[in-house]
Amino acid sequence: MIIICLIFVLFIYTLVKSILYMIVSKYGKFSYDGLSIAGFSYDSKDDLFYSTRNAWQKNFGYTHLYDVCAPLFRMIMDTEPVRFFYNGKHWLITFWKGQYGITTGAEIGVYSTKESIINNKTVYLPVEENEMLDMSFILYKNNIRIMKIDAKHWWLAAFKLGMFSNPKELSMDINITFPNEEMLNAFLSAFKKLGYKDKHYKVIDTTFIFNYKKPRTSKVWTRGVISDYIIQLLNKKNVNLYNKYLIDYLDNNKIDDSENEHDYILVSKFIPEIFKTDNQRKENNVVFEDKRGDYFE
């Protein structure tokens, strides 16, 4: 059975490779430009994909079921949700890091709900624009920095395509600036209930600074030693296949013009309505800069 599955996977990738080769030979490489339809933009300098403020994912909010189902879609992540009450609403700030299919990445999500009863079935909504928080994180793999991102956002996320990692190899230096001490203290109270001590984080003014390595929250029931091993084995094989067969067919040509005659397959040629004005694109840009030094031992 295993041999049959491997043969099938090899056949599929060979078929995909052949189709892509024929398309690329006729039209040119696929461009990363136009990924806004997927809720992401591409930063060519740091070679990473990052979430946009108006991503379509904003329409679906967040519920615990997403984390439960994540392994079924080959996403093996460490998850740390912090739930607290502030200003008449229940808030949820969650940290994620791990392997998302053929990408390594990390996320910080900020959600809230006015529901009075909170449980694992609660659906949280993304915060409004005036409630977004200034956030940043630097993601390390085995203590080597692989990405950094900074923005005022409701869902700060970044991913490296074609990189494989186990969650335990990853750590995040996280900064979150709260609008006032009341909200910061409400968050810290819930954060400490997870088992964290004062030595595990720092506060400068209203900015929370934290090095996220090992979550205190238990894994979802869909994750186990055997299932994680099998899914990560498949993820690693797919990363290798991507780097071997597909990476040469993708390129960021920095073209956002559907009338450009360069030999690239632009998403804008097929779905022109997804492109926004230059000013709207600037609103989605993030600033890549360090916010902190070595605060942790």
C-alpha atoms as a PDB file:
ATOM      1  CA  MET A   1       0.000   0.000   0.000  1.00  0.00           C
ATOM      2  CA  ILE A   2       2.808   2.429   0.889  1.00  0.00           C
ATOM      3  CA  ILE A   3       4.568   1.692  -2.415  1.00  0.00           C
ATOM      4  CA  ILE A   4       1.321   2.302  -4.318  1.00  0.00           C
ATOM      5  CA  CYS A   5       0.818   5.636  -2.505  1.00  0.00           C
ATOM      6  CA  LEU A   6       4.379   6.742  -3.282  1.00  0.00           C
ATOM      7  CA  ILE A   7       3.937   5.814  -6.940  1.00  0.00           C
ATOM      8  CA  PHE A   8       0.671   7.757  -7.027  1.00  0.00           C
ATOM      9  CA  VAL A   9       2.278  10.849  -5.456  1.00  0.00           C
ATOM     10  CA  LEU A  10       5.180  10.650  -7.916  1.00  0.00           C
ATOM     11  CA  PHE A  11       2.725  10.339 -10.810  1.00  0.00           C
ATOM     12  CA  ILE A  12       0.732  13.391  -9.668  1.00  0.00           C
ATOM     13  CA  TYR A  13       3.826  15.567  -9.294  1.00  0.00           C
ATOM     14  CA  THR A  14       5.204  14.386 -12.627  1.00  0.00           C
ATOM     15  CA  LEU A  15       1.880  15.279 -14.230  1.00  0.00           C
ATOM     16  CA  VAL A  16       1.788  18.693 -12.533  1.00  0.00           C
ATOM     17  CA  LYS A  17       5.380  19.335 -13.545  1.00  0.00           C
ATOM     18  CA  SER A  18       4.608  18.495 -17.182  1.00  0.00           C
ATOM     19  CA  ILE A  19       1.530  20.737 -17.253  1.00  0.00           C
ATOM     20  CA  LEU A  20       3.420  23.625 -15.651  1.00  0.00           C
ATOM     21  CA  TYR A  21       6.296  23.151 -18.087  1.00  0.00           C
ATOM     22  CA  MET A  22       3.942  23.416 -21.060  1.00  0.00           C
ATOM     23  CA  ILE A  23       2.208  26.500 -19.654  1.00  0.00           C
ATOM     24  CA  VAL A  24       5.482  28.210 -18.735  1.00  0.00           C
ATOM     25  CA  SER A  25       6.971  27.404 -22.139  1.00  0.00           C
ATOM     26  CA  LYS A  26       4.070  29.197 -23.808  1.00  0.00           C
ATOM     27  CA  TYR A  27       3.313  32.074 -21.432  1.00  0.00           C
ATOM     28  CA  GLY A  28       6.268  32.510 -19.104  1.00  0.00           C
ATOM     29  CA  LYS A  29       6.677  32.015 -15.349  1.00  0.00           C
ATOM     30  CA  PHE A  30       3.902  32.332 -12.818  1.00  0.00           C
ATOM     31  CA  SER A  31       4.149  35.580 -10.893  1.00  0.00           C
ATOM     32  CA  TYR A  32       3.532  36.023  -7.174  1.00  0.00           C
ATOM     33  CA  ASP A  33       1.852  39.328  -7.985  1.00  0.00           C
ATOM     34  CA  GLY A  34      -1.900  39.216  -7.503  1.00  0.00           C
ATOM     35  CA  LEU A  35      -1.920  37.058  -4.393  1.00  0.00           C
ATOM     36  CA  SER A  36      -4.256  39.536  -2.709  1.00  0.00           C
ATOM     37  CA  ILE A  37      -7.087  37.227  -3.774  1.00  0.00           C
ATOM     38  CA  ALA A  38      -5.650  34.694  -1.309  1.00  0.00           C
ATOM     39  CA  GLY A  39      -5.330  37.314   1.436  1.00  0.00           C
ATOM     40  CA  PHE A  40      -1.551  37.667   1.139  1.00  0.00           C
ATOM     41  CA  SER A  41       1.155  39.812  -0.382  1.00  0.00           C
ATOM     42  CA  TYR A  42       4.743  38.900  -1.182  1.00  0.00           C
ATOM     43  CA  ASP A  43       7.843  40.657   0.147  1.00  0.00           C
ATOM     44  CA  SER A  44      10.663  40.013  -2.316  1.00  0.00           C
ATOM     45  CA  LYS A  45      13.353  41.470  -0.046  1.00  0.00           C
ATOM     46  CA  ASP A  46      12.800  38.965   2.762  1.00  0.00           C
ATOM     47  CA  ASP A  47      11.208  36.306   0.519  1.00  0.00           C
ATOM     48  CA  LEU A  48       8.081  35.819   2.597  1.00  0.00           C
ATOM     49  CA  PHE A  49       4.327  35.975   2.230  1.00  0.00           C
ATOM     50  CA  TYR A  50       2.393  38.105   4.705  1.00  0.00           C
ATOM     51  CA  SER A  51      -1.293  38.633   5.472  1.00  0.00           C
ATOM     52  CA  THR A  52      -3.146  41.742   4.310  1.00  0.00           C
ATOM     53  CA  ARG A  53      -5.518  43.676   6.540  1.00  0.00           C
ATOM     54  CA  ASN A  54      -8.511  43.078   4.282  1.00  0.00           C
ATOM     55  CA  ALA A  55      -7.842  39.390   3.717  1.00  0.00           C
ATOM     56  CA  TRP A  56     -10.915  37.274   2.904  1.00  0.00           C
ATOM     57  CA  GLN A  57     -10.195  35.246   6.067  1.00  0.00           C
ATOM     58  CA  LYS A  58     -11.520  38.222   8.011  1.00  0.00           C
ATOM     59  CA  ASN A  59     -15.069  37.203   7.087  1.00  0.00           C
ATOM     60  CA  PHE A  60     -14.841  33.920   8.995  1.00  0.00           C
ATOM     61  CA  GLY A  61     -13.398  34.975  12.347  1.00  0.00           C
ATOM     62  CA  TYR A  62     -11.940  32.289  14.575  1.00  0.00           C
ATOM     63  CA  THR A  63     -13.228  29.300  16.517  1.00  0.00           C
ATOM     64  CA  HIS A  64     -11.471  26.427  18.277  1.00  0.00           C
ATOM     65  CA  LEU A  65     -12.675  24.048  15.555  1.00  0.00           C
ATOM     66  CA  TYR A  66     -10.154  25.629  13.155  1.00  0.00           C
ATOM     67  CA  ASP A  67      -7.265  24.405  15.292  1.00  0.00           C
ATOM     68  CA  VAL A  68      -8.875  20.984  15.647  1.00  0.00           C
ATOM     69  CA  CYS A  69      -9.204  20.647  11.869  1.00  0.00           C
ATOM     70  CA  ALA A  70      -5.779  22.137  11.057  1.00  0.00           C
ATOM     71  CA  PRO A  71      -3.876  18.789  11.113  1.00  0.00           C
ATOM     72  CA  LEU A  72      -6.364  17.405   8.569  1.00  0.00           C
ATOM     73  CA  PHE A  73      -5.066  20.086   6.200  1.00  0.00           C
ATOM     74  CA  ARG A  74      -1.437  19.246   7.048  1.00  0.00           C
ATOM     75  CA  MET A  75      -0.927  22.174   9.400  1.00  0.00           C
ATOM     76  CA  ILE A  76       1.078  21.171  12.471  1.00  0.00           C
ATOM     77  CA  MET A  77       1.245  24.182  14.785  1.00  0.00           C
ATOM     78  CA  ASP A  78       1.923  25.114  18.378  1.00  0.00           C
ATOM     79  CA  THR A  79      -1.073  27.152  19.534  1.00  0.00           C
ATOM     80  CA  GLU A  80      -1.297  29.454  22.560  1.00  0.00           C
ATOM     81  CA  PRO A  81      -4.683  31.185  23.002  1.00  0.00           C
ATOM     82  CA  VAL A  82      -5.065  33.914  25.638  1.00  0.00           C
ATOM     83  CA  ARG A  83      -8.686  34.722  26.531  1.00  0.00           C
ATOM     84  CA  PHE A  84      -9.563  37.773  28.647  1.00  0.00           C
ATOM     85  CA  PHE A  85     -12.371  40.227  29.343  1.00  0.00           C
ATOM     86  CA  TYR A  86     -11.961  43.923  28.605  1.00  0.00           C
ATOM     87  CA  ASN A  87     -14.246  46.871  27.843  1.00  0.00           C
ATOM     88  CA  GLY A  88     -17.443  44.832  27.848  1.00  0.00           C
ATOM     89  CA  LYS A  89     -16.191  42.122  25.477  1.00  0.00           C
ATOM     90  CA  HIS A  90     -14.386  38.817  25.603  1.00  0.00           C
ATOM     91  CA  TRP A  91     -11.085  39.003  23.752  1.00  0.00           C
ATOM     92  CA  LEU A  92      -8.842  36.333  22.287  1.00  0.00           C
ATOM     93  CA  ILE A  93      -5.193  36.823  21.315  1.00  0.00           C
ATOM     94  CA  THR A  94      -3.621  33.676  19.894  1.00  0.00           C
ATOM     95  CA  PHE A  95      -0.048  32.803  18.920  1.00  0.00           C
ATOM     96  CA  TRP A  96       0.697  30.135  16.304  1.00  0.00           C
ATOM     97  CA  LYS A  97       3.961  28.758  14.912  1.00  0.00           C
ATOM     98  CA  GLY A  98       4.695  25.660  12.904  1.00  0.00           C
ATOM     99  CA  GLN A  99       4.464  23.954   9.538  1.00  0.00           C
ATOM    100  CA  TYR A 100       1.647  24.926   7.196  1.00  0.00           C
ATOM    101  CA  GLY A 101       1.813  22.379   4.386  1.00  0.00           C
ATOM    102  CA  ILE A 102       4.858  23.387   2.337  1.00  0.00           C
ATOM    103  CA  THR A 103       5.465  26.591   4.295  1.00  0.00           C
ATOM    104  CA  THR A 104       6.980  27.437   7.679  1.00  0.00           C
ATOM    105  CA  GLY A 105       5.225  30.296   9.401  1.00  0.00           C
ATOM    106  CA  ALA A 106       3.799  32.062  12.409  1.00  0.00           C
ATOM    107  CA  GLU A 107       0.743  34.144  13.310  1.00  0.00           C
ATOM    108  CA  ILE A 108      -0.730  36.454  15.921  1.00  0.00           C
ATOM    109  CA  GLY A 109      -4.518  36.826  15.820  1.00  0.00           C
ATOM    110  CA  VAL A 110      -6.648  39.392  17.690  1.00  0.00           C
ATOM    111  CA  TYR A 111     -10.369  38.658  18.043  1.00  0.00           C
ATOM    112  CA  SER A 112     -13.310  39.564  20.268  1.00  0.00           C
ATOM    113  CA  THR A 113     -16.953  38.705  20.900  1.00  0.00           C
ATOM    114  CA  LYS A 114     -19.864  40.195  22.811  1.00  0.00           C
ATOM    115  CA  GLU A 115     -21.250  36.767  23.693  1.00  0.00           C
ATOM    116  CA  SER A 116     -21.713  36.304  27.429  1.00  0.00           C
ATOM    117  CA  ILE A 117     -20.859  32.582  27.523  1.00  0.00           C
ATOM    118  CA  ILE A 118     -17.442  31.516  26.235  1.00  0.00           C
ATOM    119  CA  ASN A 119     -16.480  27.966  25.322  1.00  0.00           C
ATOM    120  CA  ASN A 120     -14.754  26.009  22.546  1.00  0.00           C
ATOM    121  CA  LYS A 121     -17.758  26.567  20.281  1.00  0.00           C
ATOM    122  CA  THR A 122     -17.556  30.361  20.509  1.00  0.00           C
ATOM    123  CA  VAL A 123     -16.953  32.157  17.216  1.00  0.00           C
ATOM    124  CA  TYR A 124     -14.750  35.218  17.708  1.00  0.00           C
ATOM    125  CA  LEU A 125     -14.779  38.050  15.197  1.00  0.00           C
ATOM    126  CA  PRO A 126     -11.689  39.968  14.036  1.00  0.00           C
ATOM    127  CA  VAL A 127     -11.365  43.299  15.800  1.00  0.00           C
ATOM    128  CA  GLU A 128     -12.412  46.474  14.051  1.00  0.00           C
ATOM    129  CA  GLU A 129      -9.822  48.760  12.467  1.00  0.00           C
ATOM    130  CA  ASN A 130      -9.805  51.137  15.445  1.00  0.00           C
ATOM    131  CA  GLU A 131      -9.138  48.171  17.765  1.00  0.00           C
ATOM    132  CA  MET A 132      -6.201  46.701  15.837  1.00  0.00           C
ATOM    133  CA  LEU A 133      -2.976  46.417  17.804  1.00  0.00           C
ATOM    134  CA  ASP A 134       0.589  47.351  16.937  1.00  0.00           C
ATOM    135  CA  MET A 135       2.322  43.975  16.793  1.00  0.00           C
ATOM    136  CA  SER A 136       5.562  42.440  15.629  1.00  0.00           C
ATOM    137  CA  PHE A 137       7.330  39.136  15.742  1.00  0.00           C
ATOM    138  CA  ILE A 138      10.657  37.655  14.750  1.00  0.00           C
ATOM    139  CA  LEU A 139      10.578  33.944  13.956  1.00  0.00           C
ATOM    140  CA  TYR A 140      13.631  31.786  14.594  1.00  0.00           C
ATOM    141  CA  LYS A 141      14.414  28.251  13.510  1.00  0.00           C
ATOM    142  CA  ASN A 142      16.989  26.619  15.773  1.00  0.00           C
ATOM    143  CA  ASN A 143      17.898  30.130  17.012  1.00  0.00           C
ATOM    144  CA  ILE A 144      18.539  31.414  13.471  1.00  0.00           C
ATOM    145  CA  ARG A 145      16.264  34.257  12.393  1.00  0.00           C
ATOM    146  CA  ILE A 146      14.195  33.380   9.342  1.00  0.00           C
ATOM    147  CA  MET A 147      11.672  36.234   9.240  1.00  0.00           C
ATOM    148  CA  LYS A 148      10.441  39.384  10.915  1.00  0.00           C
ATOM    149  CA  ILE A 149       7.285  41.401  10.473  1.00  0.00           C
ATOM    150  CA  ASP A 150       5.716  44.493  12.026  1.00  0.00           C
ATOM    151  CA  ALA A 151       2.285  46.026  11.476  1.00  0.00           C
ATOM    152  CA  LYS A 152      -0.873  47.358  13.070  1.00  0.00           C
ATOM    153  CA  HIS A 153      -3.138  44.439  12.409  1.00  0.00           C
ATOM    154  CA  TRP A 154      -5.827  42.007  13.508  1.00  0.00           C
ATOM    155  CA  TRP A 155      -4.001  39.003  12.020  1.00  0.00           C
ATOM    156  CA  LEU A 156      -0.241  39.322  11.700  1.00  0.00           C
ATOM    157  CA  ALA A 157       1.000  36.310   9.748  1.00  0.00           C
ATOM    158  CA  ALA A 158       4.061  35.481   7.656  1.00  0.00           C
ATOM    159  CA  PHE A 159       5.209  32.350   5.844  1.00  0.00           C
ATOM    160  CA  LYS A 160       8.304  30.994   4.103  1.00  0.00           C
ATOM    161  CA  LEU A 161       7.419  28.904   1.064  1.00  0.00           C
ATOM    162  CA  GLY A 162       9.476  25.756   0.512  1.00  0.00           C
ATOM    163  CA  MET A 163      10.823  25.547   4.079  1.00  0.00           C
ATOM    164  CA  PHE A 164      10.228  22.609   6.414  1.00  0.00           C
ATOM    165  CA  SER A 165      10.246  22.894  10.214  1.00  0.00           C
ATOM    166  CA  ASN A 166       8.984  21.098  13.273  1.00  0.00           C
ATOM    167  CA  PRO A 167       7.152  23.409  15.718  1.00  0.00           C
ATOM    168  CA  LYS A 168       9.641  22.673  18.504  1.00  0.00           C
ATOM    169  CA  GLU A 169      12.446  24.063  16.301  1.00  0.00           C
ATOM    170  CA  LEU A 170      10.684  27.429  16.098  1.00  0.00           C
ATOM    171  CA  SER A 171      10.508  30.319  18.538  1.00  0.00           C
ATOM    172  CA  MET A 172       8.969  33.780  18.308  1.00  0.00           C
ATOM    173  CA  ASP A 173      10.031  37.108  19.789  1.00  0.00           C
ATOM    174  CA  ILE A 174       6.654  38.797  20.150  1.00  0.00           C
ATOM    175  CA  ASN A 175       5.803  42.459  20.780  1.00  0.00           C
ATOM    176  CA  ILE A 176       2.245  43.667  21.305  1.00  0.00           C
ATOM    177  CA  THR A 177       1.486  47.276  22.221  1.00  0.00           C
ATOM    178  CA  PHE A 178      -1.840  47.721  23.993  1.00  0.00           C
ATOM    179  CA  PRO A 179      -3.763  51.029  23.906  1.00  0.00           C
ATOM    180  CA  ASN A 180      -3.783  51.363  27.711  1.00  0.00           C
ATOM    181  CA  GLU A 181      -2.713  49.695  30.947  1.00  0.00           C
ATOM    182  CA  GLU A 182      -6.213  48.401  31.664  1.00  0.00           C
ATOM    183  CA  MET A 183      -6.223  46.208  28.571  1.00  0.00           C
ATOM    184  CA  LEU A 184      -2.603  45.178  29.125  1.00  0.00           C
ATOM    185  CA  ASN A 185      -3.341  44.091  32.697  1.00  0.00           C
ATOM    186  CA  ALA A 186      -6.447  42.162  31.636  1.00  0.00           C
ATOM    187  CA  PHE A 187      -4.343  40.318  29.074  1.00  0.00           C
ATOM    188  CA  LEU A 188      -1.507  39.651  31.545  1.00  0.00           C
ATOM    189  CA  SER A 189      -3.890  38.243  34.133  1.00  0.00           C
ATOM    190  CA  ALA A 190      -5.164  35.663  31.637  1.00  0.00           C
ATOM    191  CA  PHE A 191      -1.658  35.037  30.307  1.00  0.00           C
ATOM    192  CA  LYS A 192      -0.373  34.159  33.783  1.00  0.00           C
ATOM    193  CA  LYS A 193      -3.251  31.737  34.319  1.00  0.00           C
ATOM    194  CA  LEU A 194      -1.763  29.629  31.517  1.00  0.00           C
ATOM    195  CA  GLY A 195       1.230  29.004  33.770  1.00  0.00           C
ATOM    196  CA  TYR A 196       3.604  31.795  32.784  1.00  0.00           C
ATOM    197  CA  LYS A 197       5.555  33.681  35.440  1.00  0.00           C
ATOM    198  CA  ASP A 198       6.883  37.241  35.560  1.00  0.00           C
ATOM    199  CA  LYS A 199      10.300  35.991  34.395  1.00  0.00           C
ATOM    200  CA  HIS A 200       8.809  34.729  31.134  1.00  0.00           C
ATOM    201  CA  TYR A 201       7.896  38.150  29.749  1.00  0.00           C
ATOM    202  CA  LYS A 202       8.648  41.854  30.008  1.00  0.00           C
ATOM    203  CA  VAL A 203       6.571  45.009  29.833  1.00  0.00           C
ATOM    204  CA  ILE A 204       7.814  48.381  28.614  1.00  0.00           C
ATOM    205  CA  ASP A 205       5.132  51.054  29.015  1.00  0.00           C
ATOM    206  CA  THR A 206       2.124  49.222  27.519  1.00  0.00           C
ATOM    207  CA  THR A 207       4.143  46.914  25.263  1.00  0.00           C
ATOM    208  CA  PHE A 208       4.131  43.201  26.061  1.00  0.00           C
ATOM    209  CA  ILE A 209       7.379  41.403  25.112  1.00  0.00           C
ATOM    210  CA  PHE A 210       7.492  37.626  25.049  1.00  0.00           C
ATOM    211  CA  ASN A 211       9.648  34.819  23.686  1.00  0.00           C
ATOM    212  CA  TYR A 212       7.264  32.055  22.612  1.00  0.00           C
ATOM    213  CA  LYS A 213       8.865  28.614  22.535  1.00  0.00           C
ATOM    214  CA  LYS A 214       6.769  25.912  24.159  1.00  0.00           C
ATOM    215  CA  PRO A 215       3.030  26.490  24.614  1.00  0.00           C
ATOM    216  CA  ARG A 216       1.331  25.906  27.936  1.00  0.00           C
ATOM    217  CA  THR A 217      -1.945  25.028  26.204  1.00  0.00           C
ATOM    218  CA  SER A 218      -2.541  21.335  25.547  1.00  0.00           C
ATOM    219  CA  LYS A 219      -2.511  20.113  21.955  1.00  0.00           C
ATOM    220  CA  VAL A 220      -5.829  19.579  20.201  1.00  0.00           C
ATOM    221  CA  TRP A 221      -7.043  15.974  20.164  1.00  0.00           C
ATOM    222  CA  THR A 222      -6.318  15.633  16.439  1.00  0.00           C
ATOM    223  CA  ARG A 223      -2.615  15.933  17.152  1.00  0.00           C
ATOM    224  CA  GLY A 224      -0.629  13.000  18.475  1.00  0.00           C
ATOM    225  CA  VAL A 225       2.870  11.581  18.202  1.00  0.00           C
ATOM    226  CA  ILE A 226       1.971   9.172  15.412  1.00  0.00           C
ATOM    227  CA  SER A 227      -0.335  11.511  13.473  1.00  0.00           C
ATOM    228  CA  ASP A 228       2.164  14.387  13.716  1.00  0.00           C
ATOM    229  CA  TYR A 229       4.927  12.110  12.447  1.00  0.00           C
ATOM    230  CA  ILE A 230       2.904  10.939   9.451  1.00  0.00           C
ATOM    231  CA  ILE A 231       1.668  14.427   8.510  1.00  0.00           C
ATOM    232  CA  GLN A 232       5.120  15.978   8.909  1.00  0.00           C
ATOM    233  CA  LEU A 233       6.633  13.172   6.840  1.00  0.00           C
ATOM    234  CA  LEU A 234       4.222  14.063   4.040  1.00  0.00           C
ATOM    235  CA  ASN A 235       4.897  17.779   4.510  1.00  0.00           C
ATOM    236  CA  LYS A 236       8.636  17.249   4.276  1.00  0.00           C
ATOM    237  CA  LYS A 237       8.272  15.159   1.114  1.00  0.00           C
ATOM    238  CA  ASN A 238       6.071  17.822  -0.443  1.00  0.00           C
ATOM    239  CA  VAL A 239       8.554  20.559   0.470  1.00  0.00           C
ATOM    240  CA  ASN A 240      11.306  18.533  -1.205  1.00  0.00           C
ATOM    241  CA  LEU A 241       9.134  17.952  -4.271  1.00  0.00           C
ATOM    242  CA  TYR A 242       8.296  21.657  -4.455  1.00  0.00           C
ATOM    243  CA  ASN A 243      11.968  22.639  -4.262  1.00  0.00           C
ATOM    244  CA  LYS A 244      12.882  20.027  -6.847  1.00  0.00           C
ATOM    245  CA  TYR A 245      10.124  20.470  -9.413  1.00  0.00           C
ATOM    246  CA  LEU A 246       8.076  23.629  -8.924  1.00  0.00           C
ATOM    247  CA  ILE A 247      10.268  26.415  -7.573  1.00  0.00           C
ATOM    248  CA  ASP A 248      11.690  27.239 -11.023  1.00  0.00           C
ATOM    249  CA  TYR A 249       8.190  27.971 -12.340  1.00  0.00           C
ATOM    250  CA  LEU A 250       7.441  30.705  -9.802  1.00  0.00           C
ATOM    251  CA  ASP A 251       8.896  34.179  -9.642  1.00  0.00           C
ATOM    252  CA  ASN A 252       8.160  37.603  -8.221  1.00  0.00           C
ATOM    253  CA  ASN A 253       8.608  39.946 -11.160  1.00  0.00           C
ATOM    254  CA  LYS A 254       7.329  43.026  -9.294  1.00  0.00           C
ATOM    255  CA  ILE A 255       4.774  43.677 -12.014  1.00  0.00           C
ATOM    256  CA  ASP A 256       1.277  44.770 -11.016  1.00  0.00           C
ATOM    257  CA  ASP A 257       0.095  45.873 -14.444  1.00  0.00           C
ATOM    258  CA  SER A 258      -2.182  43.644 -16.509  1.00  0.00           C
ATOM    259  CA  GLU A 259      -1.195  45.552 -19.665  1.00  0.00           C
ATOM    260  CA  ASN A 260       2.496  44.794 -19.264  1.00  0.00           C
ATOM    261  CA  GLU A 261       3.868  42.669 -22.095  1.00  0.00           C
ATOM    262  CA  HIS A 262       6.529  40.831 -20.100  1.00  0.00           C
ATOM    263  CA  ASP A 263       6.575  37.042 -20.430  1.00  0.00           C
ATOM    264  CA  TYR A 264       4.897  36.251 -17.134  1.00  0.00           C
ATOM    265  CA  ILE A 265       1.562  34.728 -16.206  1.00  0.00           C
ATOM    266  CA  LEU A 266       0.090  37.498 -14.102  1.00  0.00           C
ATOM    267  CA  VAL A 267      -2.876  36.781 -11.898  1.00  0.00           C
ATOM    268  CA  SER A 268      -4.104  40.210 -12.931  1.00  0.00           C
ATOM    269  CA  LYS A 269      -4.623  38.969 -16.481  1.00  0.00           C
ATOM    270  CA  PHE A 270      -7.243  36.553 -15.223  1.00  0.00           C
ATOM    271  CA  ILE A 271      -8.733  38.359 -12.214  1.00  0.00           C
ATOM    272  CA  PRO A 272      -8.101  42.095 -12.719  1.00  0.00           C
ATOM    273  CA  GLU A 273     -10.682  43.155 -10.146  1.00  0.00           C
ATOM    274  CA  ILE A 274      -8.567  41.894  -7.250  1.00  0.00           C
ATOM    275  CA  PHE A 275      -5.984  44.606  -7.789  1.00  0.00           C
ATOM    276  CA  LYS A 276      -6.308  47.801  -5.823  1.00  0.00           C
ATOM    277  CA  THR A 277      -5.035  51.327  -6.248  1.00  0.00           C
ATOM    278  CA  ASP A 278      -1.484  52.206  -5.262  1.00  0.00           C
ATOM    279  CA  ASN A 279      -2.764  53.940  -2.109  1.00  0.00           C
ATOM    280  CA  GLN A 280      -4.737  50.862  -1.089  1.00  0.00           C
ATOM    281  CA  ARG A 281      -1.690  48.678  -1.638  1.00  0.00           C
ATOM    282  CA  LYS A 282       0.390  50.964   0.562  1.00  0.00           C
ATOM    283  CA  GLU A 283      -2.149  50.504   3.354  1.00  0.00           C
ATOM    284  CA  ASN A 284      -1.433  46.774   3.327  1.00  0.00           C
ATOM    285  CA  ASN A 285       2.337  47.149   3.423  1.00  0.00           C
ATOM    286  CA  VAL A 286       4.182  46.189   6.566  1.00  0.00           C
ATOM    287  CA  VAL A 287       7.338  47.693   7.947  1.00  0.00           C
ATOM    288  CA  PHE A 288      10.175  45.249   8.456  1.00  0.00           C
ATOM    289  CA  GLU A 289      12.297  46.489  11.308  1.00  0.00           C
ATOM    290  CA  ASP A 290      13.508  45.267  14.669  1.00  0.00           C
ATOM    291  CA  LYS A 291      11.547  46.546  17.662  1.00  0.00           C
ATOM    292  CA  ARG A 292      13.665  45.155  20.425  1.00  0.00           C
ATOM    293  CA  GLY A 293      17.021  43.903  21.521  1.00  0.00           C
ATOM    294  CA  ASP A 294      17.939  40.849  23.562  1.00  0.00           C
ATOM    295  CA  TYR A 295      15.562  41.131  26.488  1.00  0.00           C
ATOM    296  CA  PHE A 296      15.686  37.464  27.338  1.00  0.00           C
ATOM    297  CA  GLU A 297      18.473  35.354  28.738  1.00  0.00           C
END
